[in-house]
Each structure stands twice: as C-alpha cells, then as structure tokens.
Protein backbone atom coordinates (compact mmCIF):
# COMPACT_ATOMS: atom_id res chain seq x y z
CA MET A 1 -149.40 51.98 -133.09
CA MET A 2 -148.83 48.43 -134.29
CA ALA A 3 -145.49 49.38 -135.83
CA ARG A 4 -144.36 51.00 -132.56
CA SER A 5 -145.18 47.82 -130.58
CA LYS A 6 -143.28 45.73 -133.06
CA ASN A 7 -140.24 47.97 -132.78
CA ARG A 8 -140.34 47.74 -128.98
CA LEU A 9 -140.55 43.94 -129.19
CA ARG A 10 -137.63 43.77 -131.56
CA SER A 11 -135.51 46.09 -129.47
CA GLY A 12 -136.20 44.09 -126.30
CA LEU A 13 -135.45 40.72 -127.87
CA PRO A 14 -131.66 40.91 -127.56
CA ALA A 15 -131.94 41.76 -123.89
CA VAL A 16 -134.24 38.72 -123.24
CA LEU A 17 -131.78 36.42 -125.07
CA ALA A 18 -128.87 37.78 -123.06
CA LEU A 19 -130.71 37.21 -119.78
CA THR A 20 -131.57 33.62 -120.83
CA LEU A 21 -127.94 32.90 -121.59
CA LEU A 22 -126.88 34.30 -118.20
CA LEU A 23 -129.43 32.14 -116.37
CA GLY A 24 -128.31 29.05 -118.32
CA ALA A 25 -124.72 29.72 -117.40
CA CYS A 26 -125.57 29.93 -113.72
CA ALA A 27 -127.31 26.52 -113.83
CA THR A 28 -125.05 23.80 -112.56
CA LYS A 29 -124.81 20.26 -113.81
CA THR A 30 -126.63 19.11 -110.69
CA ASP A 31 -129.63 21.29 -111.61
CA ILE A 32 -129.78 19.79 -115.10
CA THR A 33 -129.16 16.13 -114.40
CA GLY A 34 -130.26 15.74 -110.84
CA SER A 35 -126.93 14.21 -109.81
CA ILE A 36 -126.13 13.93 -106.10
CA ALA A 37 -122.34 13.59 -106.53
CA PRO A 38 -119.51 14.85 -108.74
CA SER A 39 -119.13 12.95 -111.99
CA ASP A 40 -115.36 12.74 -111.59
CA VAL A 41 -114.44 9.60 -109.69
CA ARG A 42 -111.48 11.33 -108.06
CA GLU A 43 -113.82 13.94 -106.56
CA ARG A 44 -116.50 11.48 -105.56
CA HIS A 45 -114.06 9.02 -104.00
CA PRO A 46 -110.97 11.04 -103.18
CA ILE A 47 -107.77 9.43 -101.80
CA VAL A 48 -106.74 11.15 -98.54
CA LEU A 49 -103.80 10.70 -96.19
CA ARG A 50 -104.39 10.03 -92.48
CA ASP A 51 -102.72 8.57 -89.47
CA ALA A 52 -104.24 5.12 -88.95
CA PRO A 53 -103.17 2.05 -86.91
CA ARG A 54 -101.34 -0.83 -88.55
CA SER A 55 -101.53 -4.08 -86.63
CA LEU A 56 -100.25 -7.68 -86.58
CA ASP A 57 -101.89 -10.50 -84.61
CA VAL A 58 -99.42 -12.96 -83.13
CA PHE A 59 -101.18 -16.19 -82.09
CA ILE A 60 -100.15 -17.88 -78.86
CA GLY A 61 -99.09 -21.51 -78.60
CA ARG A 62 -98.33 -22.39 -82.18
CA ALA A 63 -94.81 -23.50 -81.18
CA GLY A 64 -95.33 -24.61 -77.61
CA GLY A 65 -95.57 -21.12 -76.15
CA GLY A 66 -92.98 -19.36 -78.29
CA LEU A 67 -92.91 -18.16 -81.93
CA ASP A 68 -92.63 -20.54 -84.82
CA TYR A 69 -90.54 -19.63 -87.86
CA ARG A 70 -93.48 -18.14 -89.77
CA GLN A 71 -94.52 -15.78 -86.95
CA ALA A 72 -90.94 -14.86 -86.09
CA GLU A 73 -90.45 -13.69 -89.67
CA ASP A 74 -93.75 -11.81 -89.59
CA VAL A 75 -92.74 -9.95 -86.42
CA ALA A 76 -89.29 -9.09 -87.83
CA ALA A 77 -90.86 -7.74 -91.03
CA PHE A 78 -93.37 -5.79 -88.93
CA ALA A 79 -90.48 -4.27 -87.00
CA GLY A 80 -88.88 -3.14 -90.24
CA GLU A 81 -92.11 -1.55 -91.34
CA TYR A 82 -92.33 0.21 -87.97
CA ARG A 83 -88.83 1.58 -88.40
CA ARG A 84 -89.70 2.99 -91.89
CA ASN A 85 -93.19 4.30 -91.35
CA GLY A 86 -94.03 4.15 -87.67
CA ARG A 87 -95.23 7.16 -85.68
CA GLY A 88 -95.12 7.09 -81.92
CA GLY A 89 -94.64 3.94 -79.94
CA LEU A 90 -95.05 0.26 -80.70
CA VAL A 91 -97.82 -1.35 -78.55
CA ALA A 92 -98.33 -5.01 -77.65
CA GLN A 93 -101.78 -5.90 -76.35
CA VAL A 94 -101.63 -9.18 -74.35
CA PRO A 95 -104.77 -11.15 -73.47
CA THR A 96 -105.64 -11.80 -69.84
CA GLY A 97 -108.13 -14.01 -68.14
CA THR A 98 -107.18 -17.23 -69.88
CA GLN A 99 -105.39 -20.41 -68.83
CA ARG A 100 -102.50 -19.69 -71.13
CA GLU A 101 -100.78 -16.92 -69.20
CA ILE A 102 -97.42 -18.71 -69.22
CA ALA A 103 -97.64 -19.32 -73.00
CA ALA A 104 -98.55 -15.70 -73.54
CA HIS A 105 -95.51 -14.62 -71.46
CA ASP A 106 -93.18 -16.88 -73.51
CA THR A 107 -94.67 -15.63 -76.81
CA LEU A 108 -94.14 -12.02 -75.66
CA ASN A 109 -90.48 -12.69 -74.90
CA ASP A 110 -90.01 -14.21 -78.32
CA ILE A 111 -91.71 -11.16 -79.84
CA ARG A 112 -89.13 -8.93 -78.14
CA ARG A 113 -86.30 -11.00 -79.62
CA ALA A 114 -87.88 -10.94 -83.09
CA LEU A 115 -88.30 -7.15 -82.83
CA ALA A 116 -84.63 -6.82 -81.89
CA ARG A 117 -83.66 -8.80 -85.03
CA GLY A 118 -85.79 -6.32 -87.00
CA GLY A 119 -83.89 -3.36 -85.57
CA VAL A 120 -86.33 -2.31 -82.82
CA SER A 121 -84.99 -2.14 -79.29
CA PRO A 122 -87.04 -4.18 -76.75
CA GLY A 123 -87.50 -1.00 -74.65
CA ALA A 124 -89.56 0.59 -77.42
CA LEU A 125 -92.35 -1.92 -76.90
CA GLN A 126 -95.20 -0.81 -74.69
CA VAL A 127 -97.19 -3.69 -73.14
CA GLN A 128 -100.87 -3.42 -72.47
CA THR A 129 -103.53 -5.99 -71.55
CA TYR A 130 -107.05 -6.66 -72.68
CA PRO A 131 -109.74 -9.05 -71.22
CA VAL A 132 -110.75 -12.04 -73.23
CA GLN A 133 -114.46 -12.09 -73.94
CA ASP A 134 -114.83 -15.60 -75.44
CA LEU A 135 -112.47 -18.35 -74.26
CA ASN A 136 -113.41 -20.52 -77.23
CA LEU A 137 -111.84 -18.08 -79.70
CA ALA A 138 -108.17 -17.50 -80.35
CA SER A 139 -106.85 -14.53 -78.37
CA PRO A 140 -103.68 -13.28 -80.05
CA ILE A 141 -101.10 -10.72 -78.91
CA ARG A 142 -101.79 -7.69 -81.10
CA LEU A 143 -98.87 -5.49 -82.18
CA SER A 144 -99.82 -2.08 -83.47
CA PHE A 145 -98.41 1.33 -84.34
CA ALA A 146 -99.72 4.46 -86.05
CA SER A 147 -98.57 5.23 -89.59
CA LEU A 148 -99.45 7.52 -92.45
CA GLN A 149 -101.78 5.71 -94.79
CA ALA A 150 -103.60 6.48 -98.08
CA VAL A 151 -107.24 5.62 -97.84
CA VAL A 152 -110.65 6.47 -99.28
CA PRO A 153 -112.45 8.35 -96.45
CA HIS A 154 -115.66 6.35 -96.74
CA SER A 155 -116.67 2.76 -97.30
CA CYS A 156 -117.57 1.42 -100.72
CA ALA A 157 -120.70 -0.52 -101.76
CA GLN A 158 -123.04 2.33 -100.91
CA TRP A 159 -126.03 2.90 -103.13
CA PRO A 160 -127.75 6.23 -102.26
CA GLN A 161 -129.60 6.03 -105.58
CA ASP A 162 -131.70 3.29 -107.09
CA ALA A 163 -129.73 1.24 -109.64
CA GLY A 164 -132.95 0.64 -111.54
CA VAL A 165 -135.26 3.04 -113.34
CA SER A 166 -137.36 4.33 -110.44
CA GLU A 167 -135.49 7.66 -110.57
CA TRP A 168 -136.22 8.54 -114.18
CA LYS A 169 -134.36 11.87 -114.10
CA HIS A 170 -131.08 10.31 -112.99
CA ASP A 171 -131.50 7.25 -115.23
CA ALA A 172 -132.07 9.46 -118.29
CA SER A 173 -128.99 11.56 -117.55
CA ASN A 174 -126.75 8.58 -118.37
CA GLU A 175 -124.46 9.25 -115.45
CA SER A 176 -122.51 6.68 -113.47
CA LEU A 177 -123.84 5.47 -110.15
CA TRP A 178 -122.31 6.81 -106.94
CA ASN A 179 -120.43 3.66 -106.09
CA PHE A 180 -118.69 3.57 -109.47
CA GLY A 181 -114.93 3.82 -109.11
CA CYS A 182 -114.82 3.45 -105.31
CA SER A 183 -113.17 0.04 -105.21
CA SER A 184 -110.58 1.11 -107.80
CA GLN A 185 -109.63 4.15 -105.75
CA ALA A 186 -109.45 2.10 -102.56
CA LEU A 187 -107.27 -0.54 -104.23
CA LEU A 188 -104.94 2.12 -105.63
CA ALA A 189 -104.57 3.66 -102.16
CA ALA A 190 -103.78 0.25 -100.59
CA GLN A 191 -101.08 -0.49 -103.24
CA VAL A 192 -99.15 2.70 -102.70
CA ALA A 193 -95.83 1.93 -100.83
CA ASP A 194 -95.31 5.51 -99.69
CA PRO A 195 -98.47 7.61 -99.37
CA ILE A 196 -96.50 10.84 -99.77
CA ASP A 197 -95.94 9.87 -103.42
CA LEU A 198 -99.60 10.78 -104.00
CA VAL A 199 -98.95 14.32 -102.76
CA ARG A 200 -95.63 15.20 -104.39
CA GLY A 201 -92.93 13.66 -106.53
CA ARG A 202 -89.57 12.58 -105.16
CA SER A 203 -86.42 14.61 -105.50
CA GLU A 204 -84.14 13.83 -108.39
CA GLY A 205 -81.42 11.35 -107.56
CA ARG A 206 -77.78 11.28 -108.53
CA ALA A 207 -76.97 11.06 -112.22
CA ASP A 208 -75.31 7.96 -113.68
CA ILE A 209 -71.94 9.47 -114.61
CA VAL A 210 -70.70 6.38 -116.47
CA LYS A 211 -73.78 6.24 -118.71
CA ARG A 212 -73.64 9.97 -119.27
CA MET A 213 -69.98 9.90 -120.35
CA ASN A 214 -70.69 6.99 -122.70
CA ALA A 215 -73.41 9.03 -124.38
CA ILE A 216 -71.11 12.07 -124.70
CA ASN A 217 -68.36 9.93 -126.23
CA LYS A 218 -70.76 8.53 -128.82
CA LEU A 219 -71.84 12.07 -129.77
CA ARG A 220 -68.19 13.03 -130.19
CA GLU A 221 -67.68 10.04 -132.48
CA GLY A 222 -70.78 10.83 -134.47
CA LYS A 223 -72.69 7.84 -133.23
CA ASP A 224 -76.26 7.50 -132.07
CA PRO A 225 -76.24 7.91 -128.25
CA SER A 226 -79.68 6.34 -127.74
CA THR A 227 -79.95 3.00 -126.04
CA GLN A 228 -80.68 0.02 -128.24
CA TYR A 229 -82.69 -2.57 -126.35
CA ARG A 230 -82.43 -6.09 -127.70
CA GLN A 231 -85.88 -7.57 -128.18
CA GLU A 232 -86.21 -11.23 -129.08
CA THR A 233 -89.31 -12.11 -131.06
CA PRO A 234 -90.69 -15.48 -129.98
CA GLN A 235 -90.83 -18.04 -132.76
CA ILE A 236 -94.23 -19.47 -133.29
CA ASN A 237 -94.32 -23.11 -134.24
CA SER A 238 -95.43 -23.39 -137.86
CA ASN A 239 -97.36 -26.52 -136.99
CA VAL A 240 -99.78 -24.64 -134.75
CA GLY A 241 -103.10 -24.39 -136.45
CA GLY A 242 -101.73 -25.84 -139.67
CA GLN A 243 -104.22 -28.52 -140.37
C-alpha cells in the first residue's frame, strides 16, 4: 500500500511542476515587483504627435506704437514658421479696454507689414479681440496658429509613488521611479525640427554624381576610393605640468 502511494506521488510530480511553470509564465512583471508603470521610459513617457497652438506675443508701445527692429524680426521669423508648419489660419488677438488703442492699431499695421516680408499675405491674418483683465500688466498682441508638434502627453514632475522606503515592495524591486526619463523625453520632443521625423525617415535624396564618378575612377585606377579626412592633432605645450 505504501509503495502504491509513493508511485502515485512520483507519477503526479511532473504534472505539478508543469502546472507551476505555467502559472509562473502567466505572472506579469507587475505582479512580481508591484510596479505601476512600464519599466521602459519610451512606454512610460511616450512622445506623441498632436496639433497644438504656437504663439508669439508682440508687445505694444516699445517703439512709439509700432514695431522695433527686434519685434519686426520676430514677426517675420514667425511668418516663415507659419508658412512651413502652419495649419489653418493665422490669428492676431488684440487687447481692448485700454488707453492704448491707437498704439495697438499702429502695432497691428506694422505686424501686417512684417508678415508680408515673411511671405504671408496680410489677408491671411484674422483679427480677434480680448478684454484686458489687469491694466497694470502688459497686454500684448498674440499671434497664433496651429501646427503639428511632438510632445509628451502628460506633465513631468509627478510622483505617484513614494521616493523613500515607505513602499517596501517597490523599493526592494530596484526599479526606477515613475518620473524617471520624463524630462529627457520632453526635451527630445521639443528639439525635433520636424515631428514627422519621429514617425518615418525621409526619402533618399539625389546622389552626388561628381563624387560617385571620382570614386569609380579611383577604382579603375586601382586606388582606394574611400575618403581620407585630414585630422590635425593639437600640439600640447611641453611646459604644461612640467615642474
């Protein structure tokens, strides 16, 4: 009887081990470590593309009612950016309810001229107004348009978990905190000139025929076609550190 029980135990042991392995495979990393977010920074703080407003505040009265050189150049550059990346119309929000209505009108006319220098027709500008809430604060004319931008879809500096040791399970897992990598992702998104570059690569441009023919001629002559870059090694003064 004892031998039969031992045989049954031995025969059932492989099945128990197989079931344990299956259950372990089904357990996710979250179940083991208690993590509340993916460990990959790109999944935790993804960079997404969205249509968002881009704006420029033009301050009134810096040049007696018109635009000074600095602001005229800013508006012209803003017009160039609108031509490259703008979606929809270009809007100018003009403050009302102040004692500088004439100066605001003159500044708006100068804005139209600066936009024209940047390649935007004055008719493309849509003028709107907004009431001034505090007369003691500067009330600029705000230019804005919608453009495709790369952003992180949430704000950084969030700490859903304690950075100390109050959550022992998370602290013992040796995982990074949720906020880790958020600022790096946000900075990378802000530095991208064309957000579409994050989605797909650009098409291949035209080949340099002159450089290609020079390489072919070197091969025909039995020479090395690779480019030899001249690198000058800086000379360190022998007197440095020679005491």
